[in-house]
């Protein structure tokens, strides 16, 4: 396995492996061991073991019976379904927001604000995983920040606009293409 290394001074093993898998640096179905990953990252096995539990929860790796793992196949269809699930949960969150609530701050902060409005812990956990893994990766790939997209979607939703679903689909497609552009 090629040396991945931890690029950021304060970067974590989870972040390094997320980036490597989502960017395609570690291709789909690549089988790995904890020892190989620890060596390629320049860390001990313990943080790798902990990171693998998180990455499995996020859907980035698959555990194999021989104590190896492999990178998940994050093809276009899989990513499209993940982002659609996130959008569905975020639309539910918008409806759960108080009528006078506003979405302030940058794009990721707005996503996190929506997550906090969900009433069920399981929904919040699912959305957190999608947001902090896939949506954050897409937003970080964007050449310039976009601050008002979720505010516009919230406004359309509150107006009962028939355009709200197509606006969400456009946003999902944009995020998908940002991810795919990094992978190609």
N, C-alpha and C. Protein backbone atom coordinates (compact mmCIF):
# COMPACT_ATOMS: atom_id res chain seq x y z
N UNK A 1 0.84 -1.17 0.00
CA UNK A 1 0.00 0.00 0.00
C UNK A 1 0.89 1.23 0.00
N UNK A 2 0.45 2.23 -0.72
CA UNK A 2 1.15 3.49 -0.84
C UNK A 2 1.06 4.29 0.46
N UNK A 3 2.09 5.09 0.76
CA UNK A 3 2.08 5.92 1.95
C UNK A 3 1.04 7.03 1.78
N UNK A 4 0.10 7.11 2.71
CA UNK A 4 -0.95 8.13 2.67
C UNK A 4 -0.50 9.33 3.49
N UNK A 5 -0.08 9.06 4.69
CA UNK A 5 0.35 10.13 5.59
C UNK A 5 -0.80 10.98 6.07
N UNK A 6 -0.59 11.64 7.15
CA UNK A 6 -1.59 12.57 7.66
C UNK A 6 -1.10 13.95 7.25
N UNK A 7 -1.83 14.57 6.35
CA UNK A 7 -1.40 15.83 5.73
C UNK A 7 -1.48 17.01 6.68
N UNK A 8 -2.54 17.10 7.46
CA UNK A 8 -2.75 18.26 8.31
C UNK A 8 -1.98 18.08 9.61
N UNK A 9 -1.54 19.21 10.14
CA UNK A 9 -0.81 19.17 11.39
C UNK A 9 -1.67 18.56 12.48
N UNK A 10 -2.93 18.97 12.57
CA UNK A 10 -3.83 18.43 13.59
C UNK A 10 -4.81 17.43 13.00
N UNK A 11 -4.52 16.92 11.81
CA UNK A 11 -5.42 16.00 11.14
C UNK A 11 -5.52 14.69 11.88
N UNK A 12 -6.66 14.05 11.73
CA UNK A 12 -6.86 12.78 12.41
C UNK A 12 -6.79 11.64 11.41
N UNK A 13 -6.67 10.46 11.93
CA UNK A 13 -6.66 9.26 11.11
C UNK A 13 -7.98 9.13 10.36
N UNK A 14 -9.09 9.43 11.05
CA UNK A 14 -10.40 9.35 10.41
C UNK A 14 -10.46 10.28 9.21
N UNK A 15 -10.05 11.53 9.42
CA UNK A 15 -10.10 12.52 8.33
C UNK A 15 -9.21 12.11 7.17
N UNK A 16 -8.02 11.62 7.47
CA UNK A 16 -7.08 11.21 6.41
C UNK A 16 -7.67 10.06 5.59
N UNK A 17 -8.26 9.09 6.27
CA UNK A 17 -8.84 7.94 5.55
C UNK A 17 -10.12 8.34 4.82
N UNK A 18 -10.93 9.21 5.42
CA UNK A 18 -12.12 9.71 4.72
C UNK A 18 -11.71 10.35 3.40
N UNK A 19 -10.75 11.24 3.47
CA UNK A 19 -10.28 11.94 2.27
C UNK A 19 -9.74 10.96 1.24
N UNK A 20 -8.95 10.01 1.69
CA UNK A 20 -8.34 9.05 0.76
C UNK A 20 -9.40 8.19 0.06
N UNK A 21 -10.43 7.79 0.80
CA UNK A 21 -11.48 6.94 0.21
C UNK A 21 -12.40 7.76 -0.67
N UNK A 22 -12.88 8.90 -0.16
CA UNK A 22 -13.81 9.72 -0.94
C UNK A 22 -13.17 10.30 -2.19
N UNK A 23 -11.89 10.61 -2.13
CA UNK A 23 -11.21 11.18 -3.30
C UNK A 23 -10.83 10.11 -4.31
N UNK A 24 -10.89 8.85 -3.90
CA UNK A 24 -10.50 7.77 -4.80
C UNK A 24 -9.03 7.40 -4.70
N UNK A 25 -8.29 8.07 -3.80
CA UNK A 25 -6.89 7.72 -3.59
C UNK A 25 -6.79 6.26 -3.13
N UNK A 26 -7.75 5.84 -2.31
CA UNK A 26 -7.90 4.42 -2.00
C UNK A 26 -9.10 3.96 -2.82
N UNK A 27 -8.86 3.22 -3.89
CA UNK A 27 -9.96 2.82 -4.78
C UNK A 27 -10.94 1.84 -4.12
N UNK A 28 -12.15 1.80 -4.66
CA UNK A 28 -13.18 0.87 -4.18
C UNK A 28 -12.64 -0.55 -4.20
N UNK A 29 -13.08 -1.31 -3.20
CA UNK A 29 -12.73 -2.73 -3.06
C UNK A 29 -11.26 -2.99 -2.73
N UNK A 30 -10.49 -1.95 -2.43
CA UNK A 30 -9.11 -2.15 -2.00
C UNK A 30 -9.13 -2.78 -0.62
N UNK A 31 -8.52 -3.96 -0.51
CA UNK A 31 -8.47 -4.66 0.77
C UNK A 31 -7.27 -4.17 1.56
N UNK A 32 -7.49 -3.92 2.86
CA UNK A 32 -6.45 -3.35 3.71
C UNK A 32 -6.48 -4.02 5.08
N UNK A 33 -5.34 -3.98 5.75
CA UNK A 33 -5.28 -4.44 7.13
C UNK A 33 -4.98 -3.23 8.02
N UNK A 34 -5.22 -3.40 9.31
CA UNK A 34 -4.89 -2.33 10.26
C UNK A 34 -3.40 -2.01 10.20
N UNK A 35 -2.57 -3.05 10.11
CA UNK A 35 -1.12 -2.83 10.07
C UNK A 35 -0.71 -2.03 8.83
N UNK A 36 -1.27 -2.39 7.67
CA UNK A 36 -0.95 -1.66 6.44
C UNK A 36 -1.37 -0.19 6.54
N UNK A 37 -2.58 0.03 7.06
CA UNK A 37 -3.07 1.40 7.19
C UNK A 37 -2.22 2.19 8.19
N UNK A 38 -1.89 1.57 9.31
CA UNK A 38 -1.07 2.26 10.31
C UNK A 38 0.28 2.66 9.71
N UNK A 39 0.88 1.75 8.96
CA UNK A 39 2.17 2.04 8.33
C UNK A 39 2.02 3.15 7.28
N UNK A 40 0.98 3.09 6.47
CA UNK A 40 0.81 4.09 5.41
C UNK A 40 0.47 5.47 5.97
N UNK A 41 -0.08 5.52 7.17
CA UNK A 41 -0.42 6.80 7.81
C UNK A 41 0.67 7.29 8.76
N UNK A 42 1.60 6.40 9.08
CA UNK A 42 2.65 6.77 10.01
C UNK A 42 2.17 6.89 11.44
N UNK A 43 1.22 6.02 11.82
CA UNK A 43 0.67 6.02 13.18
C UNK A 43 0.65 4.59 13.71
N UNK A 44 0.29 4.43 14.99
CA UNK A 44 0.16 3.09 15.56
C UNK A 44 -1.18 2.47 15.16
N UNK A 45 -1.37 1.21 15.48
CA UNK A 45 -2.60 0.50 15.10
C UNK A 45 -3.83 0.98 15.86
N UNK A 46 -3.66 1.45 17.10
CA UNK A 46 -4.80 1.83 17.94
C UNK A 46 -5.66 2.92 17.28
N UNK A 47 -5.09 4.05 16.84
CA UNK A 47 -5.95 5.05 16.21
C UNK A 47 -6.57 4.55 14.90
N UNK A 48 -5.89 3.65 14.23
CA UNK A 48 -6.45 3.08 13.00
C UNK A 48 -7.65 2.21 13.34
N UNK A 49 -7.53 1.40 14.37
CA UNK A 49 -8.64 0.54 14.79
C UNK A 49 -9.86 1.38 15.14
N UNK A 50 -9.64 2.45 15.90
CA UNK A 50 -10.75 3.35 16.26
C UNK A 50 -11.34 4.03 15.04
N UNK A 51 -10.48 4.45 14.13
CA UNK A 51 -10.95 5.12 12.90
C UNK A 51 -11.78 4.17 12.05
N UNK A 52 -11.40 2.91 11.99
CA UNK A 52 -12.12 1.94 11.17
C UNK A 52 -13.55 1.74 11.66
N UNK A 53 -13.74 1.81 12.98
CA UNK A 53 -15.11 1.69 13.50
C UNK A 53 -15.97 2.86 13.01
N UNK A 54 -15.40 4.04 13.02
CA UNK A 54 -16.14 5.23 12.56
C UNK A 54 -16.38 5.15 11.06
N UNK A 55 -15.37 4.78 10.32
CA UNK A 55 -15.50 4.69 8.85
C UNK A 55 -16.50 3.62 8.43
N UNK A 56 -16.59 2.56 9.20
CA UNK A 56 -17.59 1.53 8.90
C UNK A 56 -19.00 2.10 9.12
N UNK A 57 -19.17 2.83 10.21
CA UNK A 57 -20.46 3.47 10.50
C UNK A 57 -20.83 4.46 9.39
N UNK A 58 -19.85 5.15 8.84
CA UNK A 58 -20.08 6.14 7.80
C UNK A 58 -20.28 5.51 6.42
N UNK A 59 -20.10 4.22 6.33
CA UNK A 59 -20.29 3.54 5.05
C UNK A 59 -19.11 3.64 4.10
N UNK A 60 -17.95 4.01 4.62
CA UNK A 60 -16.77 4.16 3.77
C UNK A 60 -15.95 2.88 3.64
N UNK A 61 -16.08 2.00 4.61
CA UNK A 61 -15.37 0.71 4.53
C UNK A 61 -16.34 -0.42 4.86
N UNK A 62 -15.91 -1.61 4.47
CA UNK A 62 -16.66 -2.84 4.77
C UNK A 62 -15.71 -3.78 5.48
N UNK A 63 -16.14 -4.32 6.61
CA UNK A 63 -15.32 -5.30 7.34
C UNK A 63 -15.43 -6.65 6.66
N UNK A 64 -14.31 -7.32 6.58
CA UNK A 64 -14.26 -8.65 5.98
C UNK A 64 -14.04 -9.68 7.09
N UNK A 65 -14.43 -10.93 6.84
CA UNK A 65 -14.31 -11.96 7.90
C UNK A 65 -12.88 -12.21 8.36
N UNK A 66 -11.89 -11.92 7.55
CA UNK A 66 -10.49 -12.20 7.91
C UNK A 66 -9.82 -11.05 8.67
N UNK A 67 -10.62 -10.18 9.27
CA UNK A 67 -10.13 -8.99 9.99
C UNK A 67 -9.51 -7.94 9.08
N UNK A 68 -9.72 -8.07 7.81
CA UNK A 68 -9.32 -7.02 6.87
C UNK A 68 -10.53 -6.13 6.64
N UNK A 69 -10.31 -5.03 5.98
CA UNK A 69 -11.39 -4.15 5.55
C UNK A 69 -11.17 -3.85 4.08
N UNK A 70 -12.24 -3.39 3.44
CA UNK A 70 -12.07 -2.92 2.07
C UNK A 70 -12.83 -1.61 1.90
N UNK A 71 -12.33 -0.77 1.02
CA UNK A 71 -12.98 0.50 0.74
C UNK A 71 -14.31 0.21 0.05
N UNK A 72 -15.34 0.89 0.49
CA UNK A 72 -16.68 0.72 -0.09
C UNK A 72 -16.69 1.23 -1.52
N UNK A 73 -17.57 0.66 -2.31
CA UNK A 73 -17.74 1.09 -3.70
C UNK A 73 -18.69 2.28 -3.70
N UNK A 74 -18.13 3.46 -3.74
CA UNK A 74 -18.92 4.69 -3.72
C UNK A 74 -19.11 5.18 -5.15
N UNK A 75 -19.84 4.38 -5.91
CA UNK A 75 -20.11 4.76 -7.29
C UNK A 75 -21.17 5.87 -7.31
N UNK A 76 -21.44 6.37 -8.49
CA UNK A 76 -22.37 7.50 -8.62
C UNK A 76 -23.74 7.18 -8.04
N UNK A 77 -24.24 5.98 -8.29
CA UNK A 77 -25.57 5.62 -7.78
C UNK A 77 -25.59 5.58 -6.25
N UNK A 78 -24.55 5.00 -5.65
CA UNK A 78 -24.48 4.94 -4.18
C UNK A 78 -24.43 6.34 -3.58
N UNK A 79 -23.61 7.21 -4.16
CA UNK A 79 -23.51 8.58 -3.66
C UNK A 79 -24.82 9.33 -3.85
N UNK A 80 -25.48 9.10 -4.96
CA UNK A 80 -26.77 9.75 -5.23
C UNK A 80 -27.79 9.35 -4.17
N UNK A 81 -27.82 8.06 -3.81
CA UNK A 81 -28.77 7.59 -2.80
C UNK A 81 -28.45 8.14 -1.41
N UNK A 82 -27.17 8.22 -1.09
CA UNK A 82 -26.76 8.78 0.21
C UNK A 82 -27.18 10.24 0.32
N UNK A 83 -26.92 11.01 -0.73
CA UNK A 83 -27.28 12.43 -0.71
C UNK A 83 -28.79 12.62 -0.72
N UNK A 84 -29.53 11.75 -1.39
CA UNK A 84 -31.00 11.84 -1.39
C UNK A 84 -31.55 11.55 0.00
N UNK A 85 -30.97 10.59 0.70
CA UNK A 85 -31.40 10.30 2.07
C UNK A 85 -31.12 11.51 2.97
N UNK A 86 -29.94 12.11 2.81
CA UNK A 86 -29.62 13.30 3.58
C UNK A 86 -30.60 14.43 3.31
N UNK A 87 -30.94 14.63 2.04
CA UNK A 87 -31.88 15.70 1.67
C UNK A 87 -33.26 15.43 2.26
N UNK A 88 -33.67 14.17 2.26
CA UNK A 88 -34.98 13.83 2.83
C UNK A 88 -35.00 14.15 4.32
N UNK A 89 -33.94 13.81 5.03
CA UNK A 89 -33.87 14.11 6.46
C UNK A 89 -33.79 15.62 6.70
N UNK A 90 -33.08 16.33 5.85
CA UNK A 90 -32.99 17.78 6.01
C UNK A 90 -34.33 18.46 5.72
N UNK A 91 -35.09 17.94 4.77
CA UNK A 91 -36.43 18.50 4.52
C UNK A 91 -37.32 18.29 5.74
N UNK A 92 -37.21 17.12 6.38
CA UNK A 92 -37.97 16.88 7.61
C UNK A 92 -37.53 17.87 8.69
N UNK A 93 -36.24 18.11 8.77
CA UNK A 93 -35.71 19.05 9.77
C UNK A 93 -36.23 20.46 9.53
N UNK A 94 -36.34 20.86 8.26
CA UNK A 94 -36.86 22.19 7.95
C UNK A 94 -38.28 22.35 8.47
N UNK A 95 -39.07 21.29 8.34
CA UNK A 95 -40.46 21.35 8.81
C UNK A 95 -40.51 21.36 10.34
N UNK A 96 -39.46 20.86 10.98
CA UNK A 96 -39.43 20.83 12.45
C UNK A 96 -38.89 22.13 13.05
N UNK A 97 -38.29 22.98 12.22
CA UNK A 97 -37.78 24.25 12.72
C UNK A 97 -38.92 25.15 13.18
N UNK A 98 -38.72 25.93 14.21
CA UNK A 98 -39.74 26.93 14.58
C UNK A 98 -39.96 27.89 13.41
N UNK A 99 -41.16 28.41 13.26
CA UNK A 99 -41.47 29.27 12.10
C UNK A 99 -40.58 30.51 11.97
N UNK A 100 -40.06 31.00 13.09
CA UNK A 100 -39.22 32.20 13.03
C UNK A 100 -37.73 31.88 12.96
N UNK A 101 -37.37 30.60 12.92
CA UNK A 101 -35.96 30.21 12.88
C UNK A 101 -35.34 30.56 11.54
N UNK A 102 -34.10 30.99 11.59
CA UNK A 102 -33.35 31.32 10.39
C UNK A 102 -32.09 30.47 10.35
N UNK A 103 -31.58 30.29 9.15
CA UNK A 103 -30.33 29.55 8.98
C UNK A 103 -29.22 30.57 8.73
N UNK A 104 -28.34 30.71 9.70
CA UNK A 104 -27.27 31.69 9.60
C UNK A 104 -25.93 30.98 9.48
N UNK A 105 -24.93 31.72 9.09
CA UNK A 105 -23.59 31.16 9.01
C UNK A 105 -23.31 30.54 7.67
N UNK A 106 -22.19 29.86 7.59
CA UNK A 106 -21.78 29.19 6.36
C UNK A 106 -22.62 27.97 6.07
N UNK A 107 -22.36 27.39 4.93
CA UNK A 107 -23.16 26.26 4.44
C UNK A 107 -23.15 25.07 5.41
N UNK A 108 -21.99 24.69 5.93
CA UNK A 108 -21.94 23.54 6.84
C UNK A 108 -22.65 23.86 8.15
N UNK A 109 -22.52 25.07 8.65
CA UNK A 109 -23.21 25.45 9.88
C UNK A 109 -24.73 25.37 9.67
N UNK A 110 -25.19 25.76 8.50
CA UNK A 110 -26.61 25.67 8.20
C UNK A 110 -27.07 24.20 8.17
N UNK A 111 -26.26 23.33 7.60
CA UNK A 111 -26.60 21.90 7.62
C UNK A 111 -26.68 21.39 9.06
N UNK A 112 -25.72 21.77 9.87
CA UNK A 112 -25.70 21.32 11.27
C UNK A 112 -26.90 21.86 12.05
N UNK A 113 -27.30 23.09 11.75
CA UNK A 113 -28.48 23.67 12.40
C UNK A 113 -29.72 22.86 12.06
N UNK A 114 -29.84 22.46 10.80
CA UNK A 114 -30.98 21.63 10.40
C UNK A 114 -30.97 20.31 11.18
N UNK A 115 -29.81 19.70 11.29
CA UNK A 115 -29.71 18.41 11.99
C UNK A 115 -30.23 18.52 13.42
N UNK A 116 -29.93 19.62 14.07
CA UNK A 116 -30.34 19.76 15.48
C UNK A 116 -31.85 19.88 15.62
N UNK A 117 -32.56 20.18 14.53
CA UNK A 117 -34.02 20.32 14.59
C UNK A 117 -34.75 18.98 14.49
N UNK A 118 -34.04 17.93 14.11
CA UNK A 118 -34.70 16.62 13.99
C UNK A 118 -35.08 16.10 15.38
N UNK A 119 -36.30 15.58 15.52
CA UNK A 119 -36.76 15.15 16.85
C UNK A 119 -36.22 13.79 17.30
N UNK A 120 -35.79 12.93 16.39
CA UNK A 120 -35.40 11.59 16.76
C UNK A 120 -33.88 11.41 16.72
N UNK A 121 -33.31 10.85 17.79
CA UNK A 121 -31.85 10.68 17.84
C UNK A 121 -31.29 9.87 16.67
N UNK A 122 -31.97 8.83 16.25
CA UNK A 122 -31.46 8.02 15.13
C UNK A 122 -31.39 8.85 13.86
N UNK A 123 -32.40 9.67 13.61
CA UNK A 123 -32.39 10.54 12.42
C UNK A 123 -31.24 11.54 12.50
N UNK A 124 -31.01 12.09 13.70
CA UNK A 124 -29.90 13.04 13.85
C UNK A 124 -28.57 12.35 13.59
N UNK A 125 -28.40 11.11 14.08
CA UNK A 125 -27.15 10.38 13.89
C UNK A 125 -26.93 10.05 12.42
N UNK A 126 -27.98 9.60 11.75
CA UNK A 126 -27.86 9.30 10.31
C UNK A 126 -27.48 10.55 9.54
N UNK A 127 -28.17 11.64 9.83
CA UNK A 127 -27.91 12.88 9.12
C UNK A 127 -26.51 13.41 9.46
N UNK A 128 -26.10 13.27 10.69
CA UNK A 128 -24.75 13.69 11.07
C UNK A 128 -23.70 12.95 10.23
N UNK A 129 -23.88 11.66 10.10
CA UNK A 129 -22.93 10.86 9.33
C UNK A 129 -22.89 11.31 7.87
N UNK A 130 -24.04 11.54 7.28
CA UNK A 130 -24.10 11.98 5.88
C UNK A 130 -23.50 13.38 5.74
N UNK A 131 -23.86 14.27 6.64
CA UNK A 131 -23.38 15.65 6.55
C UNK A 131 -21.87 15.75 6.76
N UNK A 132 -21.39 15.13 7.83
CA UNK A 132 -19.99 15.31 8.21
C UNK A 132 -19.04 14.51 7.31
N UNK A 133 -19.57 13.55 6.58
CA UNK A 133 -18.73 12.75 5.69
C UNK A 133 -18.88 13.21 4.25
N UNK A 134 -20.05 13.05 3.70
CA UNK A 134 -20.26 13.26 2.26
C UNK A 134 -20.52 14.72 1.91
N UNK A 135 -21.42 15.37 2.64
CA UNK A 135 -21.74 16.77 2.32
C UNK A 135 -20.54 17.66 2.62
N UNK A 136 -19.86 17.44 3.73
CA UNK A 136 -18.67 18.24 4.06
C UNK A 136 -17.59 18.06 2.99
N UNK A 137 -17.41 16.84 2.51
CA UNK A 137 -16.43 16.58 1.46
C UNK A 137 -16.78 17.38 0.20
N UNK A 138 -18.06 17.36 -0.17
CA UNK A 138 -18.51 18.10 -1.36
C UNK A 138 -18.33 19.60 -1.17
N UNK A 139 -18.72 20.12 -0.03
CA UNK A 139 -18.61 21.56 0.22
C UNK A 139 -17.15 22.00 0.20
N UNK A 140 -16.27 21.18 0.76
CA UNK A 140 -14.85 21.52 0.75
C UNK A 140 -14.26 21.47 -0.65
N UNK A 141 -14.91 20.75 -1.56
CA UNK A 141 -14.43 20.67 -2.94
C UNK A 141 -14.90 21.85 -3.77
N UNK A 142 -15.84 22.61 -3.25
CA UNK A 142 -16.40 23.74 -3.99
C UNK A 142 -15.34 24.85 -4.08
N UNK A 143 -15.14 25.39 -5.30
CA UNK A 143 -14.12 26.43 -5.45
C UNK A 143 -14.42 27.70 -4.66
N UNK A 144 -15.69 28.06 -4.57
CA UNK A 144 -16.08 29.25 -3.81
C UNK A 144 -17.25 28.92 -2.91
N UNK A 145 -17.28 29.46 -1.68
CA UNK A 145 -18.39 29.14 -0.78
C UNK A 145 -19.73 29.68 -1.30
N UNK A 146 -20.77 28.95 -0.95
CA UNK A 146 -22.14 29.37 -1.27
C UNK A 146 -22.86 29.42 0.06
N UNK A 147 -23.33 30.61 0.44
CA UNK A 147 -23.90 30.76 1.77
C UNK A 147 -25.40 30.73 1.86
N UNK A 148 -26.11 30.92 0.77
CA UNK A 148 -27.55 31.12 0.90
C UNK A 148 -28.39 29.97 0.34
N UNK A 149 -27.80 28.90 -0.09
CA UNK A 149 -28.55 27.82 -0.73
C UNK A 149 -29.60 27.21 0.19
N UNK A 150 -29.21 26.88 1.42
CA UNK A 150 -30.17 26.28 2.35
C UNK A 150 -31.21 27.29 2.81
N UNK A 151 -30.81 28.55 2.92
CA UNK A 151 -31.78 29.60 3.27
C UNK A 151 -32.84 29.69 2.18
N UNK A 152 -32.42 29.62 0.93
CA UNK A 152 -33.36 29.67 -0.20
C UNK A 152 -34.29 28.45 -0.17
N UNK A 153 -33.73 27.27 0.11
CA UNK A 153 -34.56 26.06 0.19
C UNK A 153 -35.57 26.16 1.33
N UNK A 154 -35.13 26.71 2.47
CA UNK A 154 -36.03 26.89 3.60
C UNK A 154 -37.16 27.84 3.23
N UNK A 155 -36.83 28.91 2.54
CA UNK A 155 -37.84 29.88 2.11
C UNK A 155 -38.85 29.22 1.16
N UNK A 156 -38.38 28.47 0.19
CA UNK A 156 -39.28 27.77 -0.74
C UNK A 156 -40.18 26.79 0.01
N UNK A 157 -39.60 26.08 0.99
CA UNK A 157 -40.37 25.10 1.76
C UNK A 157 -41.46 25.79 2.57
N UNK A 158 -41.11 26.90 3.21
CA UNK A 158 -42.08 27.62 4.04
C UNK A 158 -43.19 28.26 3.20
N UNK A 159 -42.89 28.61 1.96
CA UNK A 159 -43.89 29.18 1.06
C UNK A 159 -44.79 28.10 0.46
N UNK A 160 -44.41 26.84 0.66
CA UNK A 160 -45.16 25.75 0.04
C UNK A 160 -44.99 25.73 -1.47
N UNK A 161 -43.86 26.22 -1.92
CA UNK A 161 -43.59 26.33 -3.35
C UNK A 161 -43.53 24.95 -4.01
N UNK A 162 -44.12 24.81 -5.19
CA UNK A 162 -44.00 23.54 -5.92
C UNK A 162 -42.58 23.31 -6.44
N UNK A 163 -41.74 24.34 -6.39
CA UNK A 163 -40.37 24.23 -6.89
C UNK A 163 -39.40 23.67 -5.85
N UNK A 164 -39.87 23.45 -4.62
CA UNK A 164 -38.96 23.06 -3.55
C UNK A 164 -38.29 21.71 -3.84
N UNK A 165 -39.03 20.74 -4.35
CA UNK A 165 -38.41 19.43 -4.63
C UNK A 165 -37.38 19.51 -5.73
N UNK A 166 -37.67 20.26 -6.78
CA UNK A 166 -36.68 20.37 -7.87
C UNK A 166 -35.46 21.17 -7.40
N UNK A 167 -35.67 22.14 -6.51
CA UNK A 167 -34.54 22.90 -5.96
C UNK A 167 -33.65 22.00 -5.11
N UNK A 168 -34.27 21.11 -4.31
CA UNK A 168 -33.49 20.14 -3.52
C UNK A 168 -32.72 19.20 -4.44
N UNK A 169 -33.38 18.72 -5.50
CA UNK A 169 -32.72 17.80 -6.42
C UNK A 169 -31.54 18.48 -7.12
N UNK A 170 -31.69 19.75 -7.45
CA UNK A 170 -30.60 20.50 -8.05
C UNK A 170 -29.43 20.61 -7.08
N UNK A 171 -29.74 20.87 -5.82
CA UNK A 171 -28.69 20.96 -4.80
C UNK A 171 -27.99 19.61 -4.62
N UNK A 172 -28.76 18.53 -4.55
CA UNK A 172 -28.17 17.19 -4.43
C UNK A 172 -27.25 16.90 -5.61
N UNK A 173 -27.70 17.23 -6.82
CA UNK A 173 -26.89 17.00 -8.02
C UNK A 173 -25.60 17.81 -7.97
N UNK A 174 -25.69 19.04 -7.48
CA UNK A 174 -24.49 19.87 -7.37
C UNK A 174 -23.49 19.23 -6.42
N UNK A 175 -23.97 18.76 -5.26
CA UNK A 175 -23.08 18.10 -4.30
C UNK A 175 -22.48 16.84 -4.90
N UNK A 176 -23.31 16.06 -5.59
CA UNK A 176 -22.84 14.83 -6.23
C UNK A 176 -21.73 15.14 -7.23
N UNK A 177 -21.93 16.14 -8.07
CA UNK A 177 -20.93 16.47 -9.08
C UNK A 177 -19.66 17.02 -8.47
N UNK A 178 -19.77 17.71 -7.34
CA UNK A 178 -18.56 18.16 -6.65
C UNK A 178 -17.74 16.96 -6.17
N UNK A 179 -18.41 15.96 -5.59
CA UNK A 179 -17.71 14.75 -5.13
C UNK A 179 -17.09 14.03 -6.32
N UNK A 180 -17.87 13.83 -7.36
CA UNK A 180 -17.38 13.10 -8.53
C UNK A 180 -16.23 13.82 -9.21
N UNK A 181 -16.24 15.15 -9.19
CA UNK A 181 -15.15 15.90 -9.83
C UNK A 181 -13.83 15.67 -9.11
N UNK A 182 -13.86 15.51 -7.79
CA UNK A 182 -12.64 15.22 -7.04
C UNK A 182 -12.18 13.80 -7.33
N UNK A 183 -13.11 12.89 -7.50
CA UNK A 183 -12.78 11.48 -7.72
C UNK A 183 -12.22 11.20 -9.11
N UNK A 184 -12.51 12.09 -10.06
CA UNK A 184 -12.06 11.79 -11.44
C UNK A 184 -10.67 12.30 -11.74
